[in-house]
Structure formats: structure tokens, C-alpha cells
């Protein structure tokens, strides 16, 4: 008898086509599809994956530290993938580790959380966040954090419903593209 509960596990290399599809769907939802530079090759080079022969461990049930390739400066990210009871990849949580100087503890920064629109209202987003929270707790970390677009009211309401709070005193900052190149050579 098939389970009626989805499985959440660390992504494997063979999941990359599904991950890229979900990234593109997220970008389309955020009206930024034209900004996607990710390719299967780039994802294969930059995500720390679980081995293909690893058991299908549901991390949302175990909450353990992942058994994946080690992270590194060139492979800094990890990805959880949610597989529906029907065996369809329906959601991802792409993340990396961060550090709190004030708490002197590691944490997780959730870069992107996405659940297919057709699979929403099934609790899948909450399951992905619970799995990440369990990982932070298991590593004795200090926090799980992420950003959300100001216009994305449904997501903001969802995040607040699970106990997240908006960081109104902090403003996101970014340097990219030509600005990053200029900054890197500023003192040359």
C-alpha cells in the first residue's frame, strides 16, 4: 500500500531536471523568468547532493544532519526535494549555511522555497520548513531565515502563521553584475 504522506529528502544528481523546472516555475511566479541563469550543468556544479544510492530517508521525520557531499566555496548549497505520494517532485527548499556572530552559532539561510501551484494547500511548504527547522535544531543552530518579496502577501501570511516574524529594522542589500566586478577591483 502506497503512503499518503510525501517524502522530503536531500536532492540527488538525478533530481536536477526537476529542480531546474521548479526554479523556473518560481521565477515565473515572481515575474523574473528572464533572470534565470541556472542550467542543469550549473546546478550539478554548485549543489552538494546526496549519493544516488543513499536510502530514501525522509528528513522531515528524522531531522538529522544530511548525509550529502560536503559543502565548499564552489558547492555551497543543499536542496531538499518534496516528492508527492504519487512520486512527483512537487517542491524544493534550496539553502545554505550561515553564521550568527551575536549567537556564535550556525544557522540556515533558505534561498528559495517553492511548491508547484497545483500542489499548494497540501501542507507541503510547511513540511519543507519543518524539515529545515529540524536540521537547524539537530546542528544546535541559532536560526532559520529567508527573504520574501514585499508584494507576496500569500507567502507572508503563511510564514507568519508558522511563527516567522518580519524583520522590519533590516534592509536587504546586494551587489551583483557590473557592480560586483567594480567593487572587487575598487582598490586595485
Protein backbone atom coordinates (compact mmCIF):
# COMPACT_ATOMS: atom_id res chain seq x y z
CA UNK A 1 0.00 0.00 0.00
CA UNK A 2 1.44 3.38 -1.03
CA UNK A 3 1.94 6.07 1.59
CA UNK A 4 -0.38 9.08 1.59
CA UNK A 5 2.42 11.23 3.03
CA UNK A 6 5.00 12.98 0.83
CA UNK A 7 8.70 12.25 1.23
CA UNK A 8 11.23 15.01 1.80
CA UNK A 9 14.83 14.08 1.14
CA UNK A 10 18.08 15.67 0.12
CA UNK A 11 18.32 16.03 -3.62
CA UNK A 12 20.38 13.67 -5.73
CA UNK A 13 22.08 14.43 -9.01
CA UNK A 14 19.27 12.73 -10.92
CA UNK A 15 16.82 15.27 -9.42
CA UNK A 16 18.47 18.21 -11.20
CA UNK A 17 15.99 18.38 -14.14
CA UNK A 18 13.08 18.57 -11.68
CA UNK A 19 14.92 21.13 -9.53
CA UNK A 20 15.57 23.35 -12.55
CA UNK A 21 11.92 23.07 -13.62
CA UNK A 22 10.80 24.16 -10.14
CA UNK A 23 13.32 27.05 -10.12
CA UNK A 24 11.94 28.23 -13.45
CA UNK A 25 8.35 27.97 -12.17
CA UNK A 26 9.30 30.03 -9.12
CA UNK A 27 10.97 32.68 -11.28
CA UNK A 28 7.89 32.82 -13.50
CA UNK A 29 5.67 33.24 -10.41
CA UNK A 30 7.91 36.12 -9.28
CA UNK A 31 7.80 37.68 -12.78
CA UNK A 32 11.56 37.15 -13.20
CA UNK A 33 11.80 34.20 -15.60
CA UNK A 34 14.10 36.27 -17.82
CA UNK A 35 16.60 36.48 -14.94
CA UNK A 36 17.17 32.73 -14.59
CA UNK A 37 20.74 31.81 -15.48
CA UNK A 38 20.62 28.40 -13.79
CA UNK A 39 21.20 25.39 -16.01
CA UNK A 40 21.41 21.71 -15.20
CA UNK A 41 25.19 21.90 -15.55
CA UNK A 42 25.47 24.87 -13.18
CA UNK A 43 23.24 23.18 -10.59
CA UNK A 44 25.31 19.99 -10.81
CA UNK A 45 28.43 22.07 -10.10
CA UNK A 46 27.08 24.11 -7.18
CA UNK A 47 24.80 21.91 -5.05
CA UNK A 48 26.03 19.34 -2.54
CA UNK A 49 23.96 16.24 -3.36
CA UNK A 50 23.02 13.09 -1.52
CA UNK A 51 24.53 9.96 -3.09
CA UNK A 52 22.30 8.25 -5.66
CA UNK A 53 22.48 5.00 -3.73
CA UNK A 54 21.55 6.59 -0.40
CA UNK A 55 18.40 5.28 1.25
CA UNK A 56 15.24 7.31 0.83
CA UNK A 57 15.44 8.89 4.26
CA UNK A 58 12.58 11.28 4.95
CA UNK A 59 14.45 14.14 6.61
CA UNK A 60 11.22 15.67 7.86
CA UNK A 61 10.78 12.56 10.01
CA UNK A 62 14.39 12.15 11.17
CA UNK A 63 15.54 15.76 11.42
CA UNK A 64 19.11 14.58 11.12
CA UNK A 65 22.12 16.26 9.64
CA UNK A 66 22.21 15.37 5.94
CA UNK A 67 24.35 12.61 4.52
CA UNK A 68 25.39 14.51 1.41
CA UNK A 69 28.50 15.66 -0.34
CA UNK A 70 30.34 18.25 1.78
CA UNK A 71 29.65 21.88 1.08
CA UNK A 72 32.52 24.06 -0.14
CA UNK A 73 33.04 27.54 -1.59
CA UNK A 74 32.23 26.22 -5.07
CA UNK A 75 29.43 23.90 -3.88
CA UNK A 76 27.78 25.89 -1.07
CA UNK A 77 24.14 24.90 -1.43
CA UNK A 78 21.94 21.99 -0.45
CA UNK A 79 18.47 21.20 -1.69
CA UNK A 80 15.56 19.39 -0.13
CA UNK A 81 13.07 17.95 -2.57
CA UNK A 82 9.50 17.02 -1.75
CA UNK A 83 8.10 14.00 -3.58
CA UNK A 84 4.32 13.57 -3.53
CA UNK A 85 2.74 10.22 -2.61
CA UNK A 86 2.28 9.75 -6.38
CA UNK A 87 6.06 10.04 -6.86
CA UNK A 88 6.07 13.52 -8.42
CA UNK A 89 8.64 16.17 -7.40
CA UNK A 90 6.41 18.99 -6.16
CA UNK A 91 8.59 21.28 -4.06
CA UNK A 92 12.10 22.35 -3.19
CA UNK A 93 13.93 24.17 -0.45
CA UNK A 94 17.33 25.41 -1.65
CA UNK A 95 19.51 26.53 1.25
CA UNK A 96 22.98 27.13 2.58
CA UNK A 97 24.59 27.51 5.98
CA UNK A 98 25.14 30.89 7.60
CA UNK A 99 26.51 32.08 10.90
CA UNK A 100 25.28 34.39 13.66
CA UNK A 101 28.13 36.35 15.24
CA UNK A 102 25.93 37.50 18.12
CA UNK A 103 24.83 33.97 18.95
CA UNK A 104 28.09 32.33 17.87
CA UNK A 105 26.01 29.61 16.22
CA UNK A 106 25.45 28.28 12.73
CA UNK A 107 22.12 28.55 11.01
CA UNK A 108 20.40 28.00 7.70
CA UNK A 109 19.52 30.61 5.10
CA UNK A 110 16.67 29.46 2.89
CA UNK A 111 17.42 30.88 -0.54
CA UNK A 112 14.27 29.58 -2.21
CA UNK A 113 11.19 27.66 -1.15
CA UNK A 114 8.79 26.64 -3.87
CA UNK A 115 5.83 24.32 -4.14
CA UNK A 116 4.14 23.76 -7.50
CA UNK A 117 0.95 25.80 -7.73
CA UNK A 118 -1.04 22.64 -8.46
CA UNK A 119 0.24 21.09 -5.20
CA UNK A 120 -0.39 24.02 -2.86
CA UNK A 121 -2.80 23.80 0.08
CA UNK A 122 -1.47 20.31 0.91
CA UNK A 123 0.85 21.47 3.68
CA UNK A 124 3.95 20.85 1.56
CA UNK A 125 5.53 24.26 2.20
CA UNK A 126 5.10 23.77 5.93
CA UNK A 127 6.64 20.28 5.69
CA UNK A 128 9.72 21.68 3.93
CA UNK A 129 10.14 24.40 6.57
CA UNK A 130 9.70 21.87 9.39
CA UNK A 131 12.44 19.71 7.84
CA UNK A 132 14.79 22.71 7.71
CA UNK A 133 13.92 23.70 11.29
CA UNK A 134 14.71 20.15 12.42
CA UNK A 135 18.09 20.37 10.72
CA UNK A 136 18.86 23.68 12.48
CA UNK A 137 17.87 22.16 15.83
CA UNK A 138 19.91 18.99 15.15
CA UNK A 139 23.04 21.05 14.46
CA UNK A 140 22.35 23.18 17.56
CA UNK A 141 21.95 26.18 15.31
CA UNK A 142 20.58 29.57 16.15
CA UNK A 143 18.15 30.47 13.39
CA UNK A 144 16.43 29.71 10.12
CA UNK A 145 15.96 32.79 7.97
CA UNK A 146 14.90 33.84 4.50
CA UNK A 147 13.60 36.78 2.47
CA UNK A 148 10.21 37.24 0.86
CA UNK A 149 9.09 39.75 -1.73
CA UNK A 150 7.03 42.57 -0.22
CA UNK A 151 4.21 42.04 -2.73
CA UNK A 152 3.89 38.32 -1.97
CA UNK A 153 1.10 38.62 0.61
CA UNK A 154 0.03 34.93 0.48
CA UNK A 155 3.58 33.84 1.38
CA UNK A 156 3.95 36.50 4.08
CA UNK A 157 0.69 35.40 5.71
CA UNK A 158 1.75 31.75 5.51
CA UNK A 159 5.16 32.48 7.07
CA UNK A 160 3.59 34.50 9.86
CA UNK A 161 1.11 31.66 10.51
CA UNK A 162 4.01 29.30 11.30
CA UNK A 163 5.70 31.73 13.68
CA UNK A 164 8.04 33.69 11.40
CA UNK A 165 8.32 37.39 12.02
CA UNK A 166 9.13 40.18 9.62
CA UNK A 167 12.48 41.87 10.19
CA UNK A 168 11.35 45.47 9.71
CA UNK A 169 14.59 47.03 11.01
CA UNK A 170 16.79 45.27 8.44
CA UNK A 171 17.07 46.09 4.75
CA UNK A 172 18.41 43.61 2.23
CA UNK A 173 21.49 44.75 0.34
CA UNK A 174 23.04 43.26 -2.77
CA UNK A 175 25.96 43.84 -5.11
CA UNK A 176 25.86 41.89 -8.38
CA UNK A 177 26.66 42.13 -12.07
CA UNK A 178 28.89 45.04 -13.05
CA UNK A 179 28.67 46.47 -9.54
CA UNK A 180 30.27 43.33 -8.13
CA UNK A 181 33.10 43.46 -10.65
CA UNK A 182 33.70 47.15 -9.87
CA UNK A 183 33.70 46.51 -6.11
CA UNK A 184 36.19 43.64 -6.47
CA UNK A 185 38.63 45.97 -8.25
CA UNK A 186 37.92 49.11 -6.23
CA UNK A 187 41.34 49.25 -4.54
CA UNK A 188 43.41 47.90 -7.44
